[in-house]
Amino acid sequence: MSDPVSLRLRLLFGDRLVFGPGKGELLQRIAETGSIAAAGRAMGMSYKRAWALVEEMNAAFRAPLVASARGGAGGGGAQLTAEGQEVLAAYRALLQAVEAAAAPQVARIAGLLGDMSGQK
């Protein structure tokens, strides 16, 4: 299999999307940049959308996943809380387990694919 395969895992509890790849990446980038705005920019996302996702995550979990401080002369910022770090670590571990478990079946399906070199 020459083309990389990616799995996208979304966790739904009832009919609510609680966590998926976008929120996982947003948390990762907040951890890296210390900023919701910078994390959103790095993902090509508006500040408003990034904030909405953070608020959605903070509301969905027992404790907030992101703690933020207002900007100003001293500068603002954001960081993952202990709960945010735990959710991100658990999601990453789940992805690794799913990818490992799925690998034989993904290879099986890939082996049945036709030549897609000229197609999108």
PDB file of N, CA and C in Angstrom:
ATOM      1  N   MET A   1       0.857  -1.171   0.000  1.00  0.00           N
ATOM      2  CA  MET A   1       0.000   0.000   0.000  1.00  0.00           C
ATOM      3  C   MET A   1       0.895   1.224   0.000  1.00  0.00           C
ATOM      4  N   SER A   2       0.872   2.002  -1.077  1.00  0.00           N
ATOM      5  CA  SER A   2       1.774   3.132  -1.181  1.00  0.00           C
ATOM      6  C   SER A   2       1.175   4.423  -0.626  1.00  0.00           C
ATOM      7  N   ASP A   3      -0.135   4.574  -0.719  1.00  0.00           N
ATOM      8  CA  ASP A   3      -0.769   5.777  -0.186  1.00  0.00           C
ATOM      9  C   ASP A   3      -1.054   5.600   1.298  1.00  0.00           C
ATOM     10  N   PRO A   4      -0.802   6.648   2.087  1.00  0.00           N
ATOM     11  CA  PRO A   4      -1.102   6.534   3.514  1.00  0.00           C
ATOM     12  C   PRO A   4      -2.615   6.468   3.736  1.00  0.00           C
ATOM     13  N   VAL A   5      -2.999   5.754   4.743  1.00  0.00           N
ATOM     14  CA  VAL A   5      -4.402   5.622   5.113  1.00  0.00           C
ATOM     15  C   VAL A   5      -4.579   6.315   6.450  1.00  0.00           C
ATOM     16  N   SER A   6      -5.661   7.021   6.600  1.00  0.00           N
ATOM     17  CA  SER A   6      -5.914   7.653   7.885  1.00  0.00           C
ATOM     18  C   SER A   6      -7.297   7.256   8.383  1.00  0.00           C
ATOM     19  N   LEU A   7      -7.379   7.052   9.669  1.00  0.00           N
ATOM     20  CA  LEU A   7      -8.644   6.788  10.333  1.00  0.00           C
ATOM     21  C   LEU A   7      -9.021   8.040  11.112  1.00  0.00           C
ATOM     22  N   ARG A   8     -10.271   8.383  11.085  1.00  0.00           N
ATOM     23  CA  ARG A   8     -10.754   9.530  11.846  1.00  0.00           C
ATOM     24  C   ARG A   8     -11.742   9.016  12.873  1.00  0.00           C
ATOM     25  N   LEU A   9     -11.444   9.222  14.118  1.00  0.00           N
ATOM     26  CA  LEU A   9     -12.252   8.697  15.210  1.00  0.00           C
ATOM     27  C   LEU A   9     -12.981   9.826  15.915  1.00  0.00           C
ATOM     28  N   ARG A  10     -14.294   9.710  15.948  1.00  0.00           N
ATOM     29  CA  ARG A  10     -15.125  10.681  16.659  1.00  0.00           C
ATOM     30  C   ARG A  10     -15.844   9.958  17.785  1.00  0.00           C
ATOM     31  N   LEU A  11     -15.845  10.556  18.939  1.00  0.00           N
ATOM     32  CA  LEU A  11     -16.530   9.974  20.091  1.00  0.00           C
ATOM     33  C   LEU A  11     -17.859  10.687  20.287  1.00  0.00           C
ATOM     34  N   LEU A  12     -18.923   9.928  20.161  1.00  0.00           N
ATOM     35  CA  LEU A  12     -20.267  10.458  20.370  1.00  0.00           C
ATOM     36  C   LEU A  12     -20.846   9.815  21.616  1.00  0.00           C
ATOM     37  N   PHE A  13     -21.405  10.632  22.453  1.00  0.00           N
ATOM     38  CA  PHE A  13     -22.076  10.146  23.648  1.00  0.00           C
ATOM     39  C   PHE A  13     -23.526  10.552  23.485  1.00  0.00           C
ATOM     40  N   GLY A  14     -24.382   9.568  23.228  1.00  0.00           N
ATOM     41  CA  GLY A  14     -25.741   9.873  22.823  1.00  0.00           C
ATOM     42  C   GLY A  14     -25.669  10.457  21.425  1.00  0.00           C
ATOM     43  N   ASP A  15     -26.304  11.565  21.217  1.00  0.00           N
ATOM     44  CA  ASP A  15     -26.259  12.206  19.900  1.00  0.00           C
ATOM     45  C   ASP A  15     -25.302  13.394  19.876  1.00  0.00           C
ATOM     46  N   ARG A  16     -24.503  13.545  20.916  1.00  0.00           N
ATOM     47  CA  ARG A  16     -23.563  14.670  20.999  1.00  0.00           C
ATOM     48  C   ARG A  16     -22.162  14.241  20.596  1.00  0.00           C
ATOM     49  N   LEU A  17     -21.566  15.014  19.687  1.00  0.00           N
ATOM     50  CA  LEU A  17     -20.151  14.822  19.380  1.00  0.00           C
ATOM     51  C   LEU A  17     -19.386  15.500  20.502  1.00  0.00           C
ATOM     52  N   VAL A  18     -18.708  14.709  21.284  1.00  0.00           N
ATOM     53  CA  VAL A  18     -17.975  15.274  22.410  1.00  0.00           C
ATOM     54  C   VAL A  18     -16.517  15.509  22.051  1.00  0.00           C
ATOM     55  N   PHE A  19     -15.949  14.599  21.272  1.00  0.00           N
ATOM     56  CA  PHE A  19     -14.522  14.739  20.981  1.00  0.00           C
ATOM     57  C   PHE A  19     -14.181  14.034  19.680  1.00  0.00           C
ATOM     58  N   GLY A  20     -13.333  14.687  18.891  1.00  0.00           N
ATOM     59  CA  GLY A  20     -12.906  14.108  17.628  1.00  0.00           C
ATOM     60  C   GLY A  20     -11.573  14.697  17.204  1.00  0.00           C
ATOM     61  N   PRO A  21     -11.193  14.473  15.955  1.00  0.00           N
ATOM     62  CA  PRO A  21      -9.872  14.899  15.488  1.00  0.00           C
ATOM     63  C   PRO A  21      -9.646  16.413  15.554  1.00  0.00           C
ATOM     64  N   GLY A  22     -10.658  17.191  15.233  1.00  0.00           N
ATOM     65  CA  GLY A  22     -10.489  18.652  15.264  1.00  0.00           C
ATOM     66  C   GLY A  22     -10.253  19.175  16.663  1.00  0.00           C
ATOM     67  N   LYS A  23     -11.043  18.702  17.593  1.00  0.00           N
ATOM     68  CA  LYS A  23     -10.871  19.139  18.976  1.00  0.00           C
ATOM     69  C   LYS A  23      -9.553  18.616  19.548  1.00  0.00           C
ATOM     70  N   GLY A  24      -9.183  17.409  19.151  1.00  0.00           N
ATOM     71  CA  GLY A  24      -7.896  16.874  19.595  1.00  0.00           C
ATOM     72  C   GLY A  24      -6.736  17.726  19.104  1.00  0.00           C
ATOM     73  N   GLU A  25      -6.795  18.101  17.825  1.00  0.00           N
ATOM     74  CA  GLU A  25      -5.731  18.949  17.276  1.00  0.00           C
ATOM     75  C   GLU A  25      -5.730  20.323  17.939  1.00  0.00           C
ATOM     76  N   LEU A  26      -6.918  20.860  18.189  1.00  0.00           N
ATOM     77  CA  LEU A  26      -6.997  22.169  18.845  1.00  0.00           C
ATOM     78  C   LEU A  26      -6.361  22.107  20.228  1.00  0.00           C
ATOM     79  N   LEU A  27      -6.673  21.083  21.000  1.00  0.00           N
ATOM     80  CA  LEU A  27      -6.042  20.954  22.325  1.00  0.00           C
ATOM     81  C   LEU A  27      -4.527  20.840  22.199  1.00  0.00           C
ATOM     82  N   GLN A  28      -4.058  20.034  21.254  1.00  0.00           N
ATOM     83  CA  GLN A  28      -2.623  19.868  21.055  1.00  0.00           C
ATOM     84  C   GLN A  28      -1.957  21.205  20.728  1.00  0.00           C
ATOM     85  N   ARG A  29      -2.570  21.960  19.852  1.00  0.00           N
ATOM     86  CA  ARG A  29      -1.977  23.239  19.456  1.00  0.00           C
ATOM     87  C   ARG A  29      -2.059  24.286  20.571  1.00  0.00           C
ATOM     88  N   ILE A  30      -3.095  24.247  21.378  1.00  0.00           N
ATOM     89  CA  ILE A  30      -3.155  25.135  22.546  1.00  0.00           C
ATOM     90  C   ILE A  30      -2.017  24.788  23.490  1.00  0.00           C
ATOM     91  N   ALA A  31      -1.781  23.491  23.696  1.00  0.00           N
ATOM     92  CA  ALA A  31      -0.679  23.070  24.568  1.00  0.00           C
ATOM     93  C   ALA A  31       0.659  23.556  24.023  1.00  0.00           C
ATOM     94  N   GLU A  32       0.823  23.516  22.703  1.00  0.00           N
ATOM     95  CA  GLU A  32       2.086  23.927  22.077  1.00  0.00           C
ATOM     96  C   GLU A  32       2.284  25.436  22.061  1.00  0.00           C
ATOM     97  N   THR A  33       1.201  26.178  21.805  1.00  0.00           N
ATOM     98  CA  THR A  33       1.336  27.625  21.604  1.00  0.00           C
ATOM     99  C   THR A  33       1.000  28.453  22.831  1.00  0.00           C
ATOM    100  N   GLY A  34       0.230  27.899  23.755  1.00  0.00           N
ATOM    101  CA  GLY A  34      -0.211  28.669  24.913  1.00  0.00           C
ATOM    102  C   GLY A  34      -1.244  29.716  24.549  1.00  0.00           C
ATOM    103  N   SER A  35      -1.925  29.516  23.415  1.00  0.00           N
ATOM    104  CA  SER A  35      -2.871  30.521  22.936  1.00  0.00           C
ATOM    105  C   SER A  35      -3.983  29.866  22.120  1.00  0.00           C
ATOM    106  N   ILE A  36      -5.219  30.228  22.440  1.00  0.00           N
ATOM    107  CA  ILE A  36      -6.353  29.735  21.657  1.00  0.00           C
ATOM    108  C   ILE A  36      -6.328  30.363  20.272  1.00  0.00           C
ATOM    109  N   ALA A  37      -6.023  31.652  20.199  1.00  0.00           N
ATOM    110  CA  ALA A  37      -5.973  32.342  18.903  1.00  0.00           C
ATOM    111  C   ALA A  37      -4.895  31.748  18.001  1.00  0.00           C
ATOM    112  N   ALA A  38      -3.710  31.538  18.537  1.00  0.00           N
ATOM    113  CA  ALA A  38      -2.612  30.979  17.738  1.00  0.00           C
ATOM    114  C   ALA A  38      -2.927  29.547  17.323  1.00  0.00           C
ATOM    115  N   ALA A  39      -3.533  28.788  18.209  1.00  0.00           N
ATOM    116  CA  ALA A  39      -3.910  27.410  17.874  1.00  0.00           C
ATOM    117  C   ALA A  39      -4.909  27.410  16.725  1.00  0.00           C
ATOM    118  N   GLY A  40      -5.904  28.273  16.806  1.00  0.00           N
ATOM    119  CA  GLY A  40      -6.897  28.379  15.735  1.00  0.00           C
ATOM    120  C   GLY A  40      -6.268  28.800  14.422  1.00  0.00           C
ATOM    121  N   ARG A  41      -5.405  29.807  14.476  1.00  0.00           N
ATOM    122  CA  ARG A  41      -4.726  30.282  13.253  1.00  0.00           C
ATOM    123  C   ARG A  41      -3.932  29.159  12.600  1.00  0.00           C
ATOM    124  N   ALA A  42      -3.231  28.380  13.414  1.00  0.00           N
ATOM    125  CA  ALA A  42      -2.416  27.288  12.882  1.00  0.00           C
ATOM    126  C   ALA A  42      -3.276  26.240  12.179  1.00  0.00           C
ATOM    127  N   MET A  43      -4.547  26.187  12.552  1.00  0.00           N
ATOM    128  CA  MET A  43      -5.465  25.232  11.939  1.00  0.00           C
ATOM    129  C   MET A  43      -6.312  25.860  10.836  1.00  0.00           C
ATOM    130  N   GLY A  44      -6.074  27.138  10.534  1.00  0.00           N
ATOM    131  CA  GLY A  44      -6.881  27.826   9.533  1.00  0.00           C
ATOM    132  C   GLY A  44      -8.288  28.104  10.031  1.00  0.00           C
ATOM    133  N   MET A  45      -8.418  28.305  11.310  1.00  0.00           N
ATOM    134  CA  MET A  45      -9.713  28.467  11.963  1.00  0.00           C
ATOM    135  C   MET A  45      -9.807  29.872  12.544  1.00  0.00           C
ATOM    136  N   SER A  46     -10.977  30.454  12.496  1.00  0.00           N
ATOM    137  CA  SER A  46     -11.156  31.777  13.079  1.00  0.00           C
ATOM    138  C   SER A  46     -11.031  31.700  14.600  1.00  0.00           C
ATOM    139  N   TYR A  47     -10.699  32.835  15.185  1.00  0.00           N
ATOM    140  CA  TYR A  47     -10.602  32.941  16.635  1.00  0.00           C
ATOM    141  C   TYR A  47     -11.951  32.585  17.261  1.00  0.00           C
ATOM    142  N   LYS A  48     -13.020  33.088  16.655  1.00  0.00           N
ATOM    143  CA  LYS A  48     -14.369  32.841  17.165  1.00  0.00           C
ATOM    144  C   LYS A  48     -14.683  31.340  17.173  1.00  0.00           C
ATOM    145  N   ARG A  49     -14.331  30.639  16.108  1.00  0.00           N
ATOM    146  CA  ARG A  49     -14.586  29.198  16.020  1.00  0.00           C
ATOM    147  C   ARG A  49     -13.748  28.443  17.041  1.00  0.00           C
ATOM    148  N   ALA A  50     -12.479  28.815  17.180  1.00  0.00           N
ATOM    149  CA  ALA A  50     -11.611  28.149  18.158  1.00  0.00           C
ATOM    150  C   ALA A  50     -12.173  28.323  19.571  1.00  0.00           C
ATOM    151  N   TRP A  51     -12.597  29.537  19.897  1.00  0.00           N
ATOM    152  CA  TRP A  51     -13.180  29.806  21.212  1.00  0.00           C
ATOM    153  C   TRP A  51     -14.456  29.012  21.414  1.00  0.00           C
ATOM    154  N   ALA A  52     -15.282  28.921  20.367  1.00  0.00           N
ATOM    155  CA  ALA A  52     -16.543  28.170  20.471  1.00  0.00           C
ATOM    156  C   ALA A  52     -16.269  26.701  20.768  1.00  0.00           C
ATOM    157  N   LEU A  53     -15.251  26.132  20.112  1.00  0.00           N
ATOM    158  CA  LEU A  53     -14.907  24.737  20.368  1.00  0.00           C
ATOM    159  C   LEU A  53     -14.376  24.539  21.788  1.00  0.00           C
ATOM    160  N   VAL A  54     -13.563  25.479  22.256  1.00  0.00           N
ATOM    161  CA  VAL A  54     -13.045  25.394  23.626  1.00  0.00           C
ATOM    162  C   VAL A  54     -14.205  25.473  24.617  1.00  0.00           C
ATOM    163  N   GLU A  55     -15.121  26.406  24.388  1.00  0.00           N
ATOM    164  CA  GLU A  55     -16.273  26.534  25.290  1.00  0.00           C
ATOM    165  C   GLU A  55     -17.130  25.277  25.266  1.00  0.00           C
ATOM    166  N   GLU A  56     -17.296  24.690  24.080  1.00  0.00           N
ATOM    167  CA  GLU A  56     -18.071  23.457  23.948  1.00  0.00           C
ATOM    168  C   GLU A  56     -17.418  22.322  24.729  1.00  0.00           C
ATOM    169  N   MET A  57     -16.092  22.188  24.601  1.00  0.00           N
ATOM    170  CA  MET A  57     -15.390  21.141  25.343  1.00  0.00           C
ATOM    171  C   MET A  57     -15.470  21.392  26.843  1.00  0.00           C
ATOM    172  N   ASN A  58     -15.236  22.638  27.247  1.00  0.00           N
ATOM    173  CA  ASN A  58     -15.260  22.957  28.671  1.00  0.00           C
ATOM    174  C   ASN A  58     -16.632  22.669  29.279  1.00  0.00           C
ATOM    175  N   ALA A  59     -17.688  22.881  28.494  1.00  0.00           N
ATOM    176  CA  ALA A  59     -19.042  22.637  28.990  1.00  0.00           C
ATOM    177  C   ALA A  59     -19.384  21.146  29.002  1.00  0.00           C
ATOM    178  N   ALA A  60     -18.811  20.380  28.098  1.00  0.00           N
ATOM    179  CA  ALA A  60     -19.168  18.968  27.958  1.00  0.00           C
ATOM    180  C   ALA A  60     -18.550  18.086  29.045  1.00  0.00           C
ATOM    181  N   PHE A  61     -17.408  18.501  29.573  1.00  0.00           N
ATOM    182  CA  PHE A  61     -16.705  17.670  30.545  1.00  0.00           C
ATOM    183  C   PHE A  61     -16.972  18.162  31.963  1.00  0.00           C
ATOM    184  N   ARG A  62     -16.753  17.274  32.919  1.00  0.00           N
ATOM    185  CA  ARG A  62     -16.975  17.611  34.333  1.00  0.00           C
ATOM    186  C   ARG A  62     -16.169  18.818  34.772  1.00  0.00           C
ATOM    187  N   ALA A  63     -14.968  18.920  34.253  1.00  0.00           N
ATOM    188  CA  ALA A  63     -14.075  20.042  34.575  1.00  0.00           C
ATOM    189  C   ALA A  63     -13.561  20.607  33.253  1.00  0.00           C
ATOM    190  N   PRO A  64     -13.249  21.902  33.215  1.00  0.00           N
ATOM    191  CA  PRO A  64     -12.746  22.507  31.965  1.00  0.00           C
ATOM    192  C   PRO A  64     -11.480  21.814  31.471  1.00  0.00           C
ATOM    193  N   LEU A  65     -11.329  21.745  30.147  1.00  0.00           N
ATOM    194  CA  LEU A  65     -10.137  21.169  29.542  1.00  0.00           C
ATOM    195  C   LEU A  65      -9.091  22.245  29.255  1.00  0.00           C
ATOM    196  N   VAL A  66      -9.550  23.489  29.116  1.00  0.00           N
ATOM    197  CA  VAL A  66      -8.658  24.612  28.800  1.00  0.00           C
ATOM    198  C   VAL A  66      -8.911  25.723  29.804  1.00  0.00           C
ATOM    199  N   ALA A  67      -7.836  26.255  30.352  1.00  0.00           N
ATOM    200  CA  ALA A  67      -7.908  27.433  31.221  1.00  0.00           C
ATOM    201  C   ALA A  67      -7.306  28.591  30.452  1.00  0.00           C
ATOM    202  N   SER A  68      -7.964  29.740  30.501  1.00  0.00           N
ATOM    203  CA  SER A  68      -7.461  30.887  29.747  1.00  0.00           C
ATOM    204  C   SER A  68      -7.410  32.119  30.631  1.00  0.00           C
ATOM    205  N   ALA A  69      -6.526  33.039  30.230  1.00  0.00           N
ATOM    206  CA  ALA A  69      -6.402  34.330  30.906  1.00  0.00           C
ATOM    207  C   ALA A  69      -6.564  35.404  29.849  1.00  0.00           C
ATOM    208  N   ARG A  70      -7.244  36.461  30.195  1.00  0.00           N
ATOM    209  CA  ARG A  70      -7.470  37.564  29.260  1.00  0.00           C
ATOM    210  C   ARG A  70      -6.164  38.215  28.852  1.00  0.00           C
ATOM    211  N   GLY A  71      -6.165  38.759  27.632  1.00  0.00           N
ATOM    212  CA  GLY A  71      -4.999  39.480  27.131  1.00  0.00           C
ATOM    213  C   GLY A  71      -4.865  40.831  27.808  1.00  0.00           C
ATOM    214  N   GLY A  72      -3.973  41.623  27.299  1.00  0.00           N
ATOM    215  CA  GLY A  72      -3.732  42.941  27.874  1.00  0.00           C
ATOM    216  C   GLY A  72      -2.257  43.209  27.922  1.00  0.00           C
ATOM    217  N   ALA A  73      -1.866  44.133  28.774  1.00  0.00           N
ATOM    218  CA  ALA A  73      -0.461  44.530  28.864  1.00  0.00           C
ATOM    219  C   ALA A  73       0.429  43.338  29.223  1.00  0.00           C
ATOM    220  N   GLY A  74      -0.029  42.504  30.151  1.00  0.00           N
ATOM    221  CA  GLY A  74       0.756  41.341  30.552  1.00  0.00           C
ATOM    222  C   GLY A  74       0.585  40.160  29.611  1.00  0.00           C
ATOM    223  N   GLY A  75      -0.337  40.321  28.679  1.00  0.00           N
ATOM    224  CA  GLY A  75      -0.595  39.230  27.733  1.00  0.00           C
ATOM    225  C   GLY A  75      -1.509  38.189  28.344  1.00  0.00           C
ATOM    226  N   GLY A  76      -2.292  37.587  27.506  1.00  0.00           N
ATOM    227  CA  GLY A  76      -3.196  36.531  27.959  1.00  0.00           C
ATOM    228  C   GLY A  76      -2.548  35.195  27.714  1.00  0.00           C
ATOM    229  N   GLY A  77      -3.367  34.221  27.553  1.00  0.00           N
ATOM    230  CA  GLY A  77      -2.834  32.910  27.243  1.00  0.00           C
ATOM    231  C   GLY A  77      -3.824  31.837  27.605  1.00  0.00           C
ATOM    232  N   ALA A  78      -3.478  30.642  27.240  1.00  0.00           N
ATOM    233  CA  ALA A  78      -4.316  29.485  27.534  1.00  0.00           C
ATOM    234  C   ALA A  78      -3.422  28.277  27.747  1.00  0.00           C
ATOM    235  N   GLN A  79      -3.917  27.372  28.526  1.00  0.00           N
ATOM    236  CA  GLN A  79      -3.190  26.127  28.755  1.00  0.00           C
ATOM    237  C   GLN A  79      -4.189  25.022  29.034  1.00  0.00           C
ATOM    238  N   LEU A  80      -3.750  23.799  28.795  1.00  0.00           N
ATOM    239  CA  LEU A  80      -4.592  22.660  29.114  1.00  0.00           C
ATOM    240  C   LEU A  80      -4.584  22.466  30.615  1.00  0.00           C
ATOM    241  N   THR A  81      -5.741  22.147  31.150  1.00  0.00           N
ATOM    242  CA  THR A  81      -5.824  21.775  32.557  1.00  0.00           C
ATOM    243  C   THR A  81      -5.366  20.318  32.667  1.00  0.00           C
ATOM    244  N   ALA A  82      -5.284  19.833  33.880  1.00  0.00           N
ATOM    245  CA  ALA A  82      -4.940  18.416  34.077  1.00  0.00           C
ATOM    246  C   ALA A  82      -5.963  17.537  33.360  1.00  0.00           C
ATOM    247  N   GLU A  83      -7.227  17.925  33.408  1.00  0.00           N
ATOM    248  CA  GLU A  83      -8.276  17.165  32.725  1.00  0.00           C
ATOM    249  C   GLU A  83      -8.091  17.226  31.215  1.00  0.00           C
ATOM    250  N   GLY A  84      -7.695  18.377  30.695  1.00  0.00           N
ATOM    251  CA  GLY A  84      -7.436  18.523  29.266  1.00  0.00           C
ATOM    252  C   GLY A  84      -6.288  17.641  28.819  1.00  0.00           C
ATOM    253  N   GLN A  85      -5.231  17.597  29.612  1.00  0.00           N
ATOM    254  CA  GLN A  85      -4.098  16.736  29.302  1.00  0.00           C
ATOM    255  C   GLN A  85      -4.526  15.274  29.325  1.00  0.00           C
ATOM    256  N   GLU A  86      -5.365  14.913  30.293  1.00  0.00           N
ATOM    257  CA  GLU A  86      -5.830  13.527  30.420  1.00  0.00           C
ATOM    258  C   GLU A  86      -6.713  13.130  29.235  1.00  0.00           C
ATOM    259  N   VAL A  87      -7.636  14.000  28.836  1.00  0.00           N
ATOM    260  CA  VAL A  87      -8.511  13.700  27.702  1.00  0.00           C
ATOM    261  C   VAL A  87      -7.681  13.551  26.428  1.00  0.00           C
ATOM    262  N   LEU A  88      -6.743  14.465  26.209  1.00  0.00           N
ATOM    263  CA  LEU A  88      -5.902  14.399  25.009  1.00  0.00           C
ATOM    264  C   LEU A  88      -5.055  13.123  25.008  1.00  0.00           C
ATOM    265  N   ALA A  89      -4.468  12.781  26.137  1.00  0.00           N
ATOM    266  CA  ALA A  89      -3.647  11.565  26.219  1.00  0.00           C
ATOM    267  C   ALA A  89      -4.503  10.311  25.992  1.00  0.00           C
ATOM    268  N   ALA A  90      -5.697  10.282  26.565  1.00  0.00           N
ATOM    269  CA  ALA A  90      -6.574   9.121  26.387  1.00  0.00           C
ATOM    270  C   ALA A  90      -7.026   9.008  24.938  1.00  0.00           C
ATOM    271  N   TYR A  91      -7.311  10.126  24.307  1.00  0.00           N
ATOM    272  CA  TYR A  91      -7.739  10.111  22.897  1.00  0.00           C
ATOM    273  C   TYR A  91      -6.601   9.614  22.004  1.00  0.00           C
ATOM    274  N   ARG A  92      -5.396  10.097  22.247  1.00  0.00           N
ATOM    275  CA  ARG A  92      -4.230   9.629  21.473  1.00  0.00           C
ATOM    276  C   ARG A  92      -4.004   8.132  21.651  1.00  0.00           C
ATOM    277  N   ALA A  93      -4.098   7.647  22.896  1.00  0.00           N
ATOM    278  CA  ALA A  93      -3.914   6.222  23.165  1.00  0.00           C
ATOM    279  C   ALA A  93      -5.003   5.407  22.466  1.00  0.00           C
ATOM    280  N   LEU A  94      -6.218   5.910  22.478  1.00  0.00           N
ATOM    281  CA  LEU A  94      -7.320   5.232  21.798  1.00  0.00           C
ATOM    282  C   LEU A  94      -7.064   5.165  20.300  1.00  0.00           C
ATOM    283  N   LEU A  95      -6.596   6.259  19.707  1.00  0.00           N
ATOM    284  CA  LEU A  95      -6.272   6.268  18.280  1.00  0.00           C
ATOM    285  C   LEU A  95      -5.208   5.229  17.945  1.00  0.00           C
ATOM    286  N   GLN A  96      -4.169   5.164  18.756  1.00  0.00           N
ATOM    287  CA  GLN A  96      -3.103   4.188  18.519  1.00  0.00           C
ATOM    288  C   GLN A  96      -3.640   2.760  18.589  1.00  0.00           C
ATOM    289  N   ALA A  97      -4.494   2.502  19.568  1.00  0.00           N
ATOM    290  CA  ALA A  97      -5.055   1.159  19.719  1.00  0.00           C
ATOM    291  C   ALA A  97      -5.956   0.806  18.534  1.00  0.00           C
ATOM    292  N   VAL A  98      -6.764   1.754  18.098  1.00  0.00           N
ATOM    293  CA  VAL A  98      -7.662   1.517  16.967  1.00  0.00           C
ATOM    294  C   VAL A  98      -6.854   1.288  15.689  1.00  0.00           C
ATOM    295  N   GLU A  99      -5.831   2.110  15.463  1.00  0.00           N
ATOM    296  CA  GLU A  99      -4.999   1.951  14.266  1.00  0.00           C
ATOM    297  C   GLU A  99      -4.305   0.589  14.258  1.00  0.00           C
ATOM    298  N   ALA A 100      -3.787   0.172  15.397  1.00  0.00           N
ATOM    299  CA  ALA A 100      -3.112  -1.126  15.469  1.00  0.00           C
ATOM    300  C   ALA A 100      -4.104  -2.264  15.234  1.00  0.00           C
ATOM    301  N   ALA A 101      -5.276  -2.169  15.848  1.00  0.00           N
ATOM    302  CA  ALA A 101      -6.268  -3.226  15.686  1.00  0.00           C
ATOM    303  C   ALA A 101      -6.825  -3.268  14.269  1.00  0.00           C
ATOM    304  N   ALA A 102      -6.908  -2.118  13.634  1.00  0.00           N
ATOM    305  CA  ALA A 102      -7.501  -2.036  12.292  1.00  0.00           C
ATOM    306  C   ALA A 102      -6.512  -2.360  11.181  1.00  0.00           C
ATOM    307  N   ALA A 103      -5.232  -2.331  11.454  1.00  0.00           N
ATOM    308  CA  ALA A 103      -4.210  -2.476  10.410  1.00  0.00           C
ATOM    309  C   ALA A 103      -4.416  -3.686   9.495  1.00  0.00           C
ATOM    310  N   PRO A 104      -4.690  -4.879  10.017  1.00  0.00           N
ATOM    311  CA  PRO A 104      -4.869  -6.023   9.110  1.00  0.00           C
ATOM    312  C   PRO A 104      -6.058  -5.847   8.164  1.00  0.00           C
ATOM    313  N   GLN A 105      -7.138  -5.312   8.666  1.00  0.00           N
ATOM    314  CA  GLN A 105      -8.320  -5.132   7.818  1.00  0.00           C
ATOM    315  C   GLN A 105      -8.136  -3.973   6.838  1.00  0.00           C
ATOM    316  N   VAL A 106      -7.424  -2.937   7.253  1.00  0.00           N
ATOM    317  CA  VAL A 106      -7.117  -1.830   6.339  1.00  0.00           C
ATOM    318  C   VAL A 106      -6.246  -2.363   5.200  1.00  0.00           C
ATOM    319  N   ALA A 107      -5.248  -3.180   5.531  1.00  0.00           N
ATOM    320  CA  ALA A 107      -4.388  -3.764   4.497  1.00  0.00           C
ATOM    321  C   ALA A 107      -5.203  -4.652   3.563  1.00  0.00           C
ATOM    322  N   ARG A 108      -6.126  -5.391   4.126  1.00  0.00           N
ATOM    323  CA  ARG A 108      -6.990  -6.257   3.315  1.00  0.00           C
ATOM    324  C   ARG A 108      -7.813  -5.429   2.324  1.00  0.00           C
ATOM    325  N   ILE A 109      -8.416  -4.362   2.809  1.00  0.00           N
ATOM    326  CA  ILE A 109      -9.217  -3.484   1.947  1.00  0.00           C
ATOM    327  C   ILE A 109      -8.327  -2.810   0.911  1.00  0.00           C
ATOM    328  N   ALA A 110      -7.163  -2.328   1.342  1.00  0.00           N
ATOM    329  CA  ALA A 110      -6.240  -1.662   0.414  1.00  0.00           C
ATOM    330  C   ALA A 110      -5.817  -2.610  -0.700  1.00  0.00           C
ATOM    331  N   GLY A 111      -5.649  -3.881  -0.371  1.00  0.00           N
ATOM    332  CA  GLY A 111      -5.269  -4.868  -1.372  1.00  0.00           C
ATOM    333  C   GLY A 111      -6.333  -5.087  -2.433  1.00  0.00           C
ATOM    334  N   LEU A 112      -7.547  -4.712  -2.126  1.00  0.00           N
ATOM    335  CA  LEU A 112      -8.661  -4.882  -3.054  1.00  0.00           C
ATOM    336  C   LEU A 112      -8.965  -3.617  -3.869  1.00  0.00           C
ATOM    337  N   LEU A 113      -8.255  -2.539  -3.569  1.00  0.00           N
ATOM    338  CA  LEU A 113      -8.471  -1.291  -4.300  1.00  0.00           C
ATOM    339  C   LEU A 113      -7.972  -1.414  -5.738  1.00  0.00           C
ATOM    340  N   GLY A 114      -8.648  -0.716  -6.635  1.00  0.00           N
ATOM    341  CA  GLY A 114      -8.171  -0.632  -8.007  1.00  0.00           C
ATOM    342  C   GLY A 114      -7.128   0.447  -8.124  1.00  0.00           C
ATOM    343  N   ASP A 115      -6.588   0.633  -9.328  1.00  0.00           N
ATOM    344  CA  ASP A 115      -5.591   1.670  -9.577  1.00  0.00           C
ATOM    345  C   ASP A 115      -6.278   3.032  -9.575  1.00  0.00           C
ATOM    346  N   MET A 116      -5.906   3.867  -8.630  1.00  0.00           N
ATOM    347  CA  MET A 116      -6.509   5.192  -8.512  1.00  0.00           C
ATOM    348  C   MET A 116      -5.492   6.275  -8.841  1.00  0.00           C
ATOM    349  N   SER A 117      -4.434   5.932  -9.558  1.00  0.00           N
ATOM    350  CA  SER A 117      -3.355   6.901  -9.809  1.00  0.00           C
ATOM    351  C   SER A 117      -3.819   8.117 -10.614  1.00  0.00           C
ATOM    352  N   GLY A 118      -4.783   7.966 -11.476  1.00  0.00           N
ATOM    353  CA  GLY A 118      -5.252   9.099 -12.283  1.00  0.00           C
ATOM    354  C   GLY A 118      -6.504   9.729 -11.743  1.00  0.00           C
ATOM    355  N   GLN A 119      -6.955   9.296 -10.574  1.00  0.00           N
ATOM    356  CA  GLN A 119      -8.208   9.788 -10.020  1.00  0.00           C
ATOM    357  C   GLN A 119      -7.971  10.518  -8.723  1.00  0.00           C
ATOM    358  N   LYS A 120      -8.953  11.304  -8.346  1.00  0.00           N
ATOM    359  CA  LYS A 120      -8.926  11.968  -7.044  1.00  0.00           C
ATOM    360  C   LYS A 120      -9.774  11.213  -6.085  1.00  0.00           C
TER     361      LYS A 120
END
